[in-house]
Structures are given as C-alpha cells and as structure tokens.
Amino acid sequence: MTQTAATDHTAIREFRVSFSDEELADLRRRISATRWPERETVTDDSQGVRLAMMQELARHWATDYDWRRCEARLNALPQFMIEIDGLDIHFIHVRSQHEDALPLIVTHGWPGSIIEQLKIIEPLTNPTARGAGPSARTRSTSSTTTRWTAAATSPPGSSRSCSAKRSARASGRCATTRADSESRASS
C-alpha cells in the first residue's frame, strides 16, 4: 500500500492500494495452511458459522478471489489517509458532480470492509446518471432525489486504517474521529 508523503502528520494524504505479488502469494499460502478445528457437534448454526462454510470461504480467498480486481476497484476511487489522535484513518471521498449535493458519511461495521460500500458510491453521488429527477436537497420520492457527496471510511482497527492495538484506546471516539476526518476532507 502506498501513500503520498506529508510533513504535517495531520494532513490528508493520498492513498493507493498496492499489494506486491509476494504479499498475495504469502496470503494465499497462509490461508491454505489453516489448521481447522473439528467439525461442529450439532446440526444447526448454534455453535457459530459452520466449518464447511468457513473452509469454502477460505478456499475461495486462496484460489478464486481476484485480489487484483479488488485493488483496481479501490484505486478507481479517490482514497486518502488522515491522522487523527495518532491514528491513521483511511477513507474514500467522492464529490458529486452536482454543486448542491449534501455531504454523506458512510461507514461499515464489523466484520466488514469498505469494499462493501463501493456499490453505493456512484448511485449516491450521481443519481441523475440512473434516471433520477433534477430536484435536489429533498428526500427521495418517485420524482425527486437527494444528491450526495459521499465519504466512506474504514473505522480504526479495520483493514485499511490503523492497527486494532493502536485503535483500542480511541474506540470510544470513533464517531468524533470520522466526523473530523470527513469535515477536513470536505473543505
């Protein structure tokens, strides 16, 4: 992963996902080397996710998942990092082509990833491309649509932001941190 160097640690820095072939090979190797527990002792989901489902998911990540396609999807959008309270926060910030667009912060939960939010960014920031009406700053109805400037963030401790260890001390300030990063990105 690469970021633009900045002398001011609180500055917004451009960011691009960039995994080396070696990192991806190591990831696939580690996934394939997983030591699995014994099969669950019940026939329902009361003991959690079924072993067979986890094994199929791991097989998919190790052999079928197109990590380069994912990297390209992320890098097609403007990504940034910002340091707040000593924590690096990753976010995608897409401005609407409409001047009167409202700011919108989209976050994902755990477990989850910012990748889950990629499918909603374009419809939110450019609703007219999907046939929405010309009206703005109103709730969505059959004839009018709100236009948004979308910012999708990765909460502290998630895959693109700072480590979970460093974020534990700030977990109670996540909302403030996100709001601060998005207000700084919008200016």
N, C-alpha and C. Protein backbone atom coordinates (compact mmCIF):
# COMPACT_ATOMS: atom_id res chain seq x y z
N MET A 1 0.84 -1.16 0.00
CA MET A 1 0.00 0.00 0.00
C MET A 1 0.89 1.22 0.00
N THR A 2 0.50 2.22 -0.76
CA THR A 2 1.33 3.40 -0.86
C THR A 2 0.54 4.64 -0.46
N GLN A 3 1.26 5.60 0.08
CA GLN A 3 0.66 6.88 0.41
C GLN A 3 1.63 7.98 0.04
N THR A 4 1.07 9.14 -0.23
CA THR A 4 1.88 10.30 -0.53
C THR A 4 2.50 10.81 0.76
N ALA A 5 3.79 11.09 0.75
CA ALA A 5 4.46 11.58 1.94
C ALA A 5 3.97 12.99 2.28
N ALA A 6 3.85 13.24 3.56
CA ALA A 6 3.44 14.57 4.02
C ALA A 6 4.25 14.90 5.27
N THR A 7 4.68 16.13 5.38
CA THR A 7 5.45 16.53 6.54
C THR A 7 4.53 16.79 7.73
N ASP A 8 3.33 17.30 7.49
CA ASP A 8 2.35 17.53 8.53
C ASP A 8 1.58 16.23 8.76
N HIS A 9 1.74 15.61 9.93
CA HIS A 9 1.11 14.33 10.21
C HIS A 9 -0.41 14.40 10.21
N THR A 10 -0.98 15.58 10.36
CA THR A 10 -2.44 15.70 10.36
C THR A 10 -2.98 16.04 8.98
N ALA A 11 -2.12 16.14 8.00
CA ALA A 11 -2.56 16.46 6.64
C ALA A 11 -3.26 15.26 6.01
N ILE A 12 -4.17 15.55 5.11
CA ILE A 12 -4.82 14.50 4.34
C ILE A 12 -3.83 14.05 3.27
N ARG A 13 -3.57 12.73 3.23
CA ARG A 13 -2.61 12.17 2.30
C ARG A 13 -3.31 11.28 1.28
N GLU A 14 -2.93 11.40 0.02
CA GLU A 14 -3.47 10.50 -0.99
C GLU A 14 -3.02 9.08 -0.67
N PHE A 15 -3.83 8.12 -1.09
CA PHE A 15 -3.55 6.72 -0.76
C PHE A 15 -3.96 5.84 -1.93
N ARG A 16 -3.17 4.81 -2.20
CA ARG A 16 -3.50 3.81 -3.22
C ARG A 16 -3.19 2.44 -2.65
N VAL A 17 -4.05 1.48 -2.94
CA VAL A 17 -3.81 0.11 -2.54
C VAL A 17 -2.82 -0.49 -3.53
N SER A 18 -1.81 -1.14 -3.02
CA SER A 18 -0.79 -1.75 -3.88
C SER A 18 -0.19 -2.95 -3.16
N PHE A 19 -0.70 -4.13 -3.46
CA PHE A 19 -0.17 -5.35 -2.85
C PHE A 19 0.84 -5.97 -3.79
N SER A 20 1.99 -6.34 -3.25
CA SER A 20 3.00 -6.98 -4.08
C SER A 20 2.58 -8.43 -4.37
N ASP A 21 3.14 -9.00 -5.43
CA ASP A 21 2.88 -10.40 -5.76
C ASP A 21 3.31 -11.29 -4.60
N GLU A 22 4.40 -10.92 -3.93
CA GLU A 22 4.89 -11.69 -2.80
C GLU A 22 3.90 -11.68 -1.64
N GLU A 23 3.31 -10.51 -1.37
CA GLU A 23 2.32 -10.42 -0.29
C GLU A 23 1.10 -11.28 -0.59
N LEU A 24 0.64 -11.24 -1.84
CA LEU A 24 -0.53 -12.05 -2.21
C LEU A 24 -0.21 -13.54 -2.16
N ALA A 25 0.98 -13.92 -2.60
CA ALA A 25 1.38 -15.33 -2.53
C ALA A 25 1.45 -15.79 -1.07
N ASP A 26 2.00 -14.93 -0.20
CA ASP A 26 2.09 -15.26 1.22
C ASP A 26 0.69 -15.38 1.83
N LEU A 27 -0.21 -14.49 1.47
CA LEU A 27 -1.58 -14.55 1.97
C LEU A 27 -2.25 -15.86 1.56
N ARG A 28 -2.13 -16.20 0.29
CA ARG A 28 -2.71 -17.46 -0.20
C ARG A 28 -2.10 -18.67 0.52
N ARG A 29 -0.80 -18.63 0.73
CA ARG A 29 -0.12 -19.73 1.42
C ARG A 29 -0.64 -19.87 2.85
N ARG A 30 -0.75 -18.75 3.55
CA ARG A 30 -1.22 -18.79 4.94
C ARG A 30 -2.67 -19.25 5.03
N ILE A 31 -3.52 -18.79 4.09
CA ILE A 31 -4.92 -19.25 4.09
C ILE A 31 -4.97 -20.76 3.86
N SER A 32 -4.19 -21.24 2.89
CA SER A 32 -4.18 -22.68 2.57
C SER A 32 -3.63 -23.52 3.72
N ALA A 33 -2.78 -22.93 4.55
CA ALA A 33 -2.17 -23.66 5.66
C ALA A 33 -3.00 -23.61 6.94
N THR A 34 -4.21 -23.10 6.86
CA THR A 34 -5.07 -23.00 8.05
C THR A 34 -5.24 -24.37 8.71
N ARG A 35 -5.09 -24.41 10.01
CA ARG A 35 -5.34 -25.62 10.79
C ARG A 35 -6.78 -25.54 11.27
N TRP A 36 -7.61 -26.40 10.76
CA TRP A 36 -9.04 -26.35 11.04
C TRP A 36 -9.40 -27.13 12.30
N PRO A 37 -10.40 -26.66 13.03
CA PRO A 37 -10.87 -27.40 14.21
C PRO A 37 -11.70 -28.61 13.78
N GLU A 38 -12.11 -29.38 14.74
CA GLU A 38 -13.02 -30.48 14.43
C GLU A 38 -14.36 -29.91 13.99
N ARG A 39 -15.08 -30.74 13.25
CA ARG A 39 -16.42 -30.36 12.79
C ARG A 39 -17.32 -30.09 14.01
N GLU A 40 -18.28 -29.19 13.86
CA GLU A 40 -19.19 -28.86 14.95
C GLU A 40 -19.96 -30.12 15.40
N THR A 41 -20.44 -30.08 16.62
CA THR A 41 -21.10 -31.25 17.21
C THR A 41 -22.62 -31.21 17.10
N VAL A 42 -23.13 -30.18 16.47
CA VAL A 42 -24.58 -30.04 16.29
C VAL A 42 -24.89 -29.92 14.80
N THR A 43 -26.15 -30.04 14.45
CA THR A 43 -26.53 -29.98 13.03
C THR A 43 -27.13 -28.63 12.65
N ASP A 44 -27.06 -27.66 13.55
CA ASP A 44 -27.58 -26.31 13.24
C ASP A 44 -26.45 -25.29 13.40
N ASP A 45 -26.78 -24.01 13.37
CA ASP A 45 -25.77 -22.95 13.47
C ASP A 45 -25.57 -22.44 14.90
N SER A 46 -26.02 -23.19 15.89
CA SER A 46 -25.94 -22.71 17.28
C SER A 46 -24.51 -22.60 17.79
N GLN A 47 -23.54 -23.25 17.13
CA GLN A 47 -22.15 -23.13 17.54
C GLN A 47 -21.39 -22.16 16.65
N GLY A 48 -22.12 -21.39 15.89
CA GLY A 48 -21.48 -20.39 15.03
C GLY A 48 -21.48 -20.81 13.57
N VAL A 49 -20.64 -20.15 12.79
CA VAL A 49 -20.55 -20.44 11.37
C VAL A 49 -20.06 -21.87 11.18
N ARG A 50 -20.69 -22.57 10.27
CA ARG A 50 -20.36 -23.97 10.02
C ARG A 50 -18.94 -24.11 9.46
N LEU A 51 -18.23 -25.14 9.89
CA LEU A 51 -16.87 -25.39 9.45
C LEU A 51 -16.80 -25.49 7.92
N ALA A 52 -17.73 -26.21 7.31
CA ALA A 52 -17.72 -26.38 5.85
C ALA A 52 -17.82 -25.02 5.15
N MET A 53 -18.61 -24.11 5.69
CA MET A 53 -18.75 -22.79 5.08
C MET A 53 -17.45 -22.00 5.19
N MET A 54 -16.81 -22.07 6.35
CA MET A 54 -15.53 -21.37 6.54
C MET A 54 -14.45 -21.94 5.63
N GLN A 55 -14.45 -23.27 5.47
CA GLN A 55 -13.47 -23.90 4.59
C GLN A 55 -13.69 -23.49 3.14
N GLU A 56 -14.94 -23.40 2.72
CA GLU A 56 -15.24 -22.97 1.34
C GLU A 56 -14.84 -21.52 1.13
N LEU A 57 -15.10 -20.67 2.12
CA LEU A 57 -14.70 -19.26 2.02
C LEU A 57 -13.18 -19.14 1.93
N ALA A 58 -12.48 -19.87 2.75
CA ALA A 58 -11.01 -19.83 2.73
C ALA A 58 -10.48 -20.34 1.38
N ARG A 59 -11.08 -21.42 0.86
CA ARG A 59 -10.67 -21.92 -0.44
C ARG A 59 -10.87 -20.86 -1.51
N HIS A 60 -12.00 -20.15 -1.46
CA HIS A 60 -12.29 -19.08 -2.42
C HIS A 60 -11.23 -17.99 -2.35
N TRP A 61 -10.91 -17.54 -1.13
CA TRP A 61 -9.89 -16.50 -0.98
C TRP A 61 -8.52 -16.96 -1.47
N ALA A 62 -8.20 -18.21 -1.21
CA ALA A 62 -6.87 -18.72 -1.56
C ALA A 62 -6.72 -19.02 -3.05
N THR A 63 -7.81 -19.41 -3.72
CA THR A 63 -7.65 -19.86 -5.10
C THR A 63 -8.45 -19.08 -6.13
N ASP A 64 -9.63 -18.59 -5.79
CA ASP A 64 -10.52 -17.99 -6.78
C ASP A 64 -10.63 -16.47 -6.73
N TYR A 65 -10.46 -15.89 -5.55
CA TYR A 65 -10.70 -14.45 -5.41
C TYR A 65 -9.68 -13.65 -6.22
N ASP A 66 -10.18 -12.67 -6.96
CA ASP A 66 -9.31 -11.84 -7.80
C ASP A 66 -8.88 -10.60 -7.02
N TRP A 67 -7.77 -10.73 -6.31
CA TRP A 67 -7.26 -9.64 -5.48
C TRP A 67 -6.89 -8.43 -6.33
N ARG A 68 -6.40 -8.64 -7.53
CA ARG A 68 -6.02 -7.51 -8.41
C ARG A 68 -7.26 -6.73 -8.86
N ARG A 69 -8.34 -7.42 -9.11
CA ARG A 69 -9.60 -6.74 -9.48
C ARG A 69 -10.08 -5.87 -8.32
N CYS A 70 -9.99 -6.40 -7.11
CA CYS A 70 -10.37 -5.64 -5.92
C CYS A 70 -9.49 -4.41 -5.77
N GLU A 71 -8.20 -4.59 -5.94
CA GLU A 71 -7.24 -3.49 -5.87
C GLU A 71 -7.61 -2.41 -6.90
N ALA A 72 -7.94 -2.82 -8.13
CA ALA A 72 -8.30 -1.87 -9.18
C ALA A 72 -9.60 -1.14 -8.85
N ARG A 73 -10.59 -1.84 -8.29
CA ARG A 73 -11.85 -1.20 -7.91
C ARG A 73 -11.63 -0.11 -6.86
N LEU A 74 -10.79 -0.42 -5.88
CA LEU A 74 -10.49 0.57 -4.85
C LEU A 74 -9.73 1.76 -5.43
N ASN A 75 -8.73 1.47 -6.25
CA ASN A 75 -7.89 2.53 -6.80
C ASN A 75 -8.59 3.36 -7.87
N ALA A 76 -9.76 2.94 -8.31
CA ALA A 76 -10.54 3.73 -9.26
C ALA A 76 -11.21 4.93 -8.57
N LEU A 77 -11.21 4.92 -7.25
CA LEU A 77 -11.82 5.99 -6.47
C LEU A 77 -10.76 6.76 -5.71
N PRO A 78 -11.03 8.04 -5.41
CA PRO A 78 -10.04 8.84 -4.65
C PRO A 78 -10.01 8.38 -3.19
N GLN A 79 -8.85 7.87 -2.78
CA GLN A 79 -8.66 7.38 -1.42
C GLN A 79 -7.65 8.26 -0.68
N PHE A 80 -7.83 8.32 0.62
CA PHE A 80 -6.98 9.18 1.43
C PHE A 80 -6.72 8.54 2.79
N MET A 81 -5.70 9.04 3.46
CA MET A 81 -5.40 8.70 4.85
C MET A 81 -5.28 10.04 5.58
N ILE A 82 -5.70 10.00 6.84
CA ILE A 82 -5.56 11.17 7.69
C ILE A 82 -5.23 10.67 9.09
N GLU A 83 -4.36 11.38 9.78
CA GLU A 83 -4.03 11.01 11.15
C GLU A 83 -4.86 11.85 12.09
N ILE A 84 -5.58 11.19 12.97
CA ILE A 84 -6.38 11.87 13.99
C ILE A 84 -6.11 11.17 15.32
N ASP A 85 -5.73 11.92 16.32
CA ASP A 85 -5.40 11.36 17.64
C ASP A 85 -4.34 10.27 17.53
N GLY A 86 -3.39 10.43 16.61
CA GLY A 86 -2.32 9.46 16.44
C GLY A 86 -2.71 8.22 15.66
N LEU A 87 -3.93 8.18 15.13
CA LEU A 87 -4.42 7.01 14.39
C LEU A 87 -4.57 7.35 12.91
N ASP A 88 -4.09 6.48 12.04
CA ASP A 88 -4.31 6.65 10.60
C ASP A 88 -5.70 6.16 10.25
N ILE A 89 -6.48 7.02 9.62
CA ILE A 89 -7.84 6.69 9.21
C ILE A 89 -7.88 6.71 7.68
N HIS A 90 -8.35 5.62 7.09
CA HIS A 90 -8.47 5.51 5.63
C HIS A 90 -9.89 5.92 5.24
N PHE A 91 -10.02 6.65 4.12
CA PHE A 91 -11.36 6.94 3.62
C PHE A 91 -11.33 7.17 2.13
N ILE A 92 -12.48 6.95 1.52
CA ILE A 92 -12.71 7.24 0.11
C ILE A 92 -13.60 8.46 0.10
N HIS A 93 -13.25 9.45 -0.72
CA HIS A 93 -14.05 10.68 -0.78
C HIS A 93 -14.40 10.98 -2.23
N VAL A 94 -15.67 10.84 -2.57
CA VAL A 94 -16.13 11.08 -3.93
C VAL A 94 -17.08 12.27 -3.91
N ARG A 95 -16.67 13.33 -4.59
CA ARG A 95 -17.53 14.51 -4.67
C ARG A 95 -18.55 14.33 -5.78
N SER A 96 -19.75 14.78 -5.52
CA SER A 96 -20.80 14.73 -6.53
C SER A 96 -20.51 15.75 -7.62
N GLN A 97 -20.97 15.48 -8.82
CA GLN A 97 -20.84 16.47 -9.89
C GLN A 97 -21.88 17.58 -9.73
N HIS A 98 -22.81 17.41 -8.80
CA HIS A 98 -23.86 18.40 -8.56
C HIS A 98 -23.42 19.36 -7.45
N GLU A 99 -23.45 20.65 -7.74
CA GLU A 99 -22.99 21.66 -6.77
C GLU A 99 -23.74 21.63 -5.46
N ASP A 100 -25.03 21.33 -5.50
CA ASP A 100 -25.87 21.41 -4.30
C ASP A 100 -25.95 20.09 -3.55
N ALA A 101 -25.00 19.20 -3.78
CA ALA A 101 -25.01 17.89 -3.12
C ALA A 101 -24.75 18.04 -1.62
N LEU A 102 -25.39 17.20 -0.85
CA LEU A 102 -25.21 17.18 0.59
C LEU A 102 -24.10 16.20 0.96
N PRO A 103 -23.32 16.50 2.00
CA PRO A 103 -22.28 15.55 2.43
C PRO A 103 -22.92 14.34 3.11
N LEU A 104 -22.34 13.19 2.89
CA LEU A 104 -22.82 11.94 3.50
C LEU A 104 -21.63 11.10 3.90
N ILE A 105 -21.60 10.66 5.14
CA ILE A 105 -20.55 9.77 5.62
C ILE A 105 -21.12 8.37 5.70
N VAL A 106 -20.45 7.43 5.07
CA VAL A 106 -20.87 6.03 5.07
C VAL A 106 -19.77 5.23 5.77
N THR A 107 -20.14 4.47 6.78
CA THR A 107 -19.17 3.63 7.47
C THR A 107 -19.66 2.19 7.46
N HIS A 108 -18.74 1.27 7.61
CA HIS A 108 -19.12 -0.14 7.69
C HIS A 108 -18.94 -0.62 9.11
N GLY A 109 -19.59 -1.70 9.41
CA GLY A 109 -19.48 -2.28 10.73
C GLY A 109 -18.47 -3.40 10.75
N TRP A 110 -18.45 -4.12 11.85
CA TRP A 110 -17.55 -5.25 11.98
C TRP A 110 -18.37 -6.51 12.13
N PRO A 111 -18.07 -7.61 11.48
CA PRO A 111 -17.00 -7.66 10.49
C PRO A 111 -17.48 -7.01 9.22
N GLY A 112 -16.62 -6.43 8.52
CA GLY A 112 -16.99 -5.77 7.29
C GLY A 112 -15.80 -5.09 6.67
N SER A 113 -16.06 -4.43 5.58
CA SER A 113 -14.99 -3.79 4.83
C SER A 113 -15.56 -2.65 4.03
N ILE A 114 -14.71 -1.69 3.74
CA ILE A 114 -15.10 -0.57 2.90
C ILE A 114 -15.51 -1.06 1.50
N ILE A 115 -15.02 -2.23 1.12
CA ILE A 115 -15.35 -2.81 -0.19
C ILE A 115 -16.85 -3.00 -0.33
N GLU A 116 -17.53 -3.29 0.77
CA GLU A 116 -18.99 -3.46 0.75
C GLU A 116 -19.70 -2.18 0.34
N GLN A 117 -19.06 -1.03 0.54
CA GLN A 117 -19.69 0.25 0.25
C GLN A 117 -19.47 0.72 -1.19
N LEU A 118 -18.58 0.07 -1.92
CA LEU A 118 -18.24 0.54 -3.27
C LEU A 118 -19.46 0.61 -4.19
N LYS A 119 -20.38 -0.32 -4.05
CA LYS A 119 -21.53 -0.39 -4.95
C LYS A 119 -22.53 0.77 -4.77
N ILE A 120 -22.47 1.46 -3.64
CA ILE A 120 -23.44 2.54 -3.41
C ILE A 120 -22.90 3.93 -3.70
N ILE A 121 -21.60 4.05 -3.90
CA ILE A 121 -21.00 5.38 -4.06
C ILE A 121 -21.49 6.08 -5.33
N GLU A 122 -21.43 5.41 -6.47
CA GLU A 122 -21.84 6.05 -7.73
C GLU A 122 -23.33 6.41 -7.72
N PRO A 123 -24.24 5.54 -7.30
CA PRO A 123 -25.65 5.94 -7.26
C PRO A 123 -25.93 7.12 -6.32
N LEU A 124 -25.16 7.21 -5.23
CA LEU A 124 -25.37 8.33 -4.31
C LEU A 124 -24.81 9.64 -4.85
N THR A 125 -23.65 9.59 -5.49
CA THR A 125 -23.01 10.82 -5.94
C THR A 125 -23.48 11.28 -7.31
N ASN A 126 -24.08 10.39 -8.08
CA ASN A 126 -24.55 10.76 -9.42
C ASN A 126 -25.89 10.10 -9.72
N PRO A 127 -26.94 10.46 -8.98
CA PRO A 127 -28.24 9.81 -9.17
C PRO A 127 -28.87 10.10 -10.53
N THR A 128 -28.53 11.24 -11.12
CA THR A 128 -29.13 11.57 -12.42
C THR A 128 -28.66 10.62 -13.51
N ALA A 129 -27.49 10.00 -13.35
CA ALA A 129 -27.00 9.03 -14.32
C ALA A 129 -27.86 7.77 -14.33
N ARG A 130 -28.64 7.59 -13.28
CA ARG A 130 -29.51 6.43 -13.16
C ARG A 130 -30.97 6.81 -13.35
N GLY A 131 -31.20 7.96 -13.95
CA GLY A 131 -32.56 8.37 -14.28
C GLY A 131 -33.29 9.13 -13.20
N ALA A 132 -32.61 9.54 -12.14
CA ALA A 132 -33.26 10.30 -11.09
C ALA A 132 -33.60 11.70 -11.59
N GLY A 133 -34.62 12.31 -11.01
CA GLY A 133 -35.05 13.64 -11.42
C GLY A 133 -34.04 14.72 -11.08
N PRO A 134 -34.26 15.93 -11.58
CA PRO A 134 -33.32 17.03 -11.40
C PRO A 134 -33.39 17.72 -10.03
N SER A 135 -34.41 17.48 -9.24
CA SER A 135 -34.55 18.17 -7.97
C SER A 135 -33.52 17.67 -6.97
N ALA A 136 -33.06 18.58 -6.11
CA ALA A 136 -32.07 18.20 -5.11
C ALA A 136 -32.49 18.71 -3.74
N ARG A 137 -31.76 18.25 -2.72
CA ARG A 137 -31.98 18.64 -1.33
C ARG A 137 -33.39 18.32 -0.84
N THR A 138 -33.95 17.24 -1.33
CA THR A 138 -35.23 16.75 -0.82
C THR A 138 -35.09 15.26 -0.59
N ARG A 139 -35.92 14.72 0.23
CA ARG A 139 -35.91 13.28 0.45
C ARG A 139 -36.30 12.58 -0.85
N SER A 140 -35.78 11.40 -1.05
CA SER A 140 -36.04 10.65 -2.27
C SER A 140 -37.52 10.26 -2.35
N THR A 141 -38.15 10.61 -3.45
CA THR A 141 -39.53 10.20 -3.74
C THR A 141 -39.55 9.72 -5.18
N SER A 142 -40.72 9.49 -5.70
CA SER A 142 -40.80 9.00 -7.07
C SER A 142 -40.33 10.04 -8.08
N SER A 143 -40.32 11.32 -7.72
CA SER A 143 -39.94 12.33 -8.70
C SER A 143 -38.73 13.18 -8.32
N THR A 144 -38.26 13.08 -7.08
CA THR A 144 -37.11 13.89 -6.68
C THR A 144 -36.07 13.02 -5.98
N THR A 145 -34.83 13.44 -6.01
CA THR A 145 -33.74 12.67 -5.42
C THR A 145 -32.73 13.59 -4.77
N THR A 146 -32.22 13.19 -3.61
CA THR A 146 -31.14 13.91 -2.96
C THR A 146 -29.83 13.52 -3.62
N ARG A 147 -28.98 14.49 -3.84
CA ARG A 147 -27.63 14.24 -4.37
C ARG A 147 -26.67 14.34 -3.20
N TRP A 148 -25.67 13.46 -3.20
CA TRP A 148 -24.75 13.39 -2.07
C TRP A 148 -23.32 13.52 -2.54
N THR A 149 -22.49 14.04 -1.66
CA THR A 149 -21.05 13.91 -1.78
C THR A 149 -20.70 12.84 -0.76
N ALA A 150 -20.22 11.69 -1.22
CA ALA A 150 -20.05 10.54 -0.33
C ALA A 150 -18.62 10.40 0.16
N ALA A 151 -18.50 10.07 1.42
CA ALA A 151 -17.21 9.73 2.02
C ALA A 151 -17.41 8.42 2.77
N ALA A 152 -16.72 7.38 2.35
CA ALA A 152 -16.79 6.07 3.00
C ALA A 152 -15.51 5.89 3.80
N THR A 153 -15.66 5.57 5.07
CA THR A 153 -14.49 5.46 5.94
C THR A 153 -14.28 4.04 6.42
N SER A 154 -13.04 3.73 6.75
CA SER A 154 -12.69 2.48 7.43
C SER A 154 -12.44 2.84 8.88
N PRO A 155 -13.26 2.34 9.80
CA PRO A 155 -13.07 2.68 11.21
C PRO A 155 -11.71 2.24 11.73
N PRO A 156 -11.21 2.89 12.79
CA PRO A 156 -9.93 2.48 13.36
C PRO A 156 -9.95 0.99 13.70
N GLY A 157 -8.87 0.30 13.34
CA GLY A 157 -8.77 -1.12 13.60
C GLY A 157 -9.22 -1.98 12.44
N SER A 158 -9.81 -1.37 11.40
CA SER A 158 -10.23 -2.16 10.26
C SER A 158 -9.08 -2.28 9.27
N SER A 159 -9.32 -2.94 8.17
CA SER A 159 -8.25 -3.34 7.27
C SER A 159 -7.38 -2.22 6.74
N ARG A 160 -7.90 -1.07 6.44
CA ARG A 160 -7.10 -0.01 5.84
C ARG A 160 -6.66 1.05 6.84
N SER A 161 -7.33 1.17 7.97
CA SER A 161 -6.94 2.16 8.97
C SER A 161 -5.89 1.56 9.89
N CYS A 162 -5.63 2.23 10.99
CA CYS A 162 -4.57 1.83 11.91
C CYS A 162 -4.83 0.47 12.53
N SER A 163 -3.85 -0.05 13.21
CA SER A 163 -3.96 -1.38 13.82
C SER A 163 -4.99 -1.38 14.95
N ALA A 164 -5.53 -2.54 15.21
CA ALA A 164 -6.52 -2.69 16.28
C ALA A 164 -5.91 -2.35 17.64
N LYS A 165 -4.64 -2.70 17.84
CA LYS A 165 -3.97 -2.42 19.11
C LYS A 165 -3.93 -0.92 19.36
N ARG A 166 -3.54 -0.16 18.32
CA ARG A 166 -3.44 1.29 18.47
C ARG A 166 -4.82 1.92 18.59
N SER A 167 -5.85 1.30 17.98
CA SER A 167 -7.16 1.93 17.97
C SER A 167 -7.96 1.64 19.23
N ALA A 168 -7.57 0.65 20.02
CA ALA A 168 -8.35 0.28 21.20
C ALA A 168 -8.53 1.46 22.15
N ARG A 169 -7.50 2.27 22.29
CA ARG A 169 -7.60 3.40 23.22
C ARG A 169 -8.56 4.47 22.72
N ALA A 170 -8.86 4.46 21.44
CA ALA A 170 -9.70 5.51 20.87
C ALA A 170 -11.05 5.00 20.40
N SER A 171 -11.40 3.76 20.73
CA SER A 171 -12.63 3.20 20.20
C SER A 171 -13.86 4.01 20.60
N GLY A 172 -13.84 4.65 21.74
CA GLY A 172 -14.96 5.46 22.16
C GLY A 172 -15.07 6.77 21.41
N ARG A 173 -14.05 7.12 20.64
CA ARG A 173 -14.06 8.40 19.92
C ARG A 173 -14.22 8.20 18.41
N CYS A 174 -14.65 7.02 17.97
CA CYS A 174 -14.74 6.74 16.53
C CYS A 174 -15.62 7.73 15.79
N ALA A 175 -16.79 8.03 16.34
CA ALA A 175 -17.70 8.94 15.65
C ALA A 175 -17.08 10.32 15.50
N THR A 176 -16.45 10.82 16.56
CA THR A 176 -15.81 12.13 16.50
C THR A 176 -14.66 12.11 15.50
N THR A 177 -13.89 11.04 15.51
CA THR A 177 -12.76 10.90 14.59
C THR A 177 -13.24 10.91 13.14
N ARG A 178 -14.30 10.12 12.85
CA ARG A 178 -14.83 10.07 11.49
C ARG A 178 -15.36 11.44 11.06
N ALA A 179 -16.11 12.07 11.95
CA ALA A 179 -16.68 13.38 11.60
C ALA A 179 -15.57 14.39 11.34
N ASP A 180 -14.50 14.35 12.15
CA ASP A 180 -13.39 15.26 11.97
C ASP A 180 -12.70 15.02 10.63
N SER A 181 -12.44 13.74 10.30
CA SER A 181 -11.76 13.44 9.03
C SER A 181 -12.61 13.84 7.85
N GLU A 182 -13.91 13.61 7.93
CA GLU A 182 -14.78 13.95 6.79
C GLU A 182 -14.97 15.45 6.65
N SER A 183 -15.04 16.18 7.76
CA SER A 183 -15.18 17.63 7.64
C SER A 183 -13.91 18.24 7.06
N ARG A 184 -12.74 17.68 7.43
CA ARG A 184 -11.49 18.18 6.88
C ARG A 184 -11.38 17.83 5.40
N ALA A 185 -11.91 16.68 5.00
CA ALA A 185 -11.85 16.27 3.59
C ALA A 185 -12.82 17.09 2.74
N SER A 186 -13.91 17.54 3.32
CA SER A 186 -14.91 18.28 2.57
C SER A 186 -14.52 19.73 2.33
N SER A 187 -13.56 20.21 3.10
CA SER A 187 -13.19 21.63 2.96
C SER A 187 -12.17 21.85 1.88
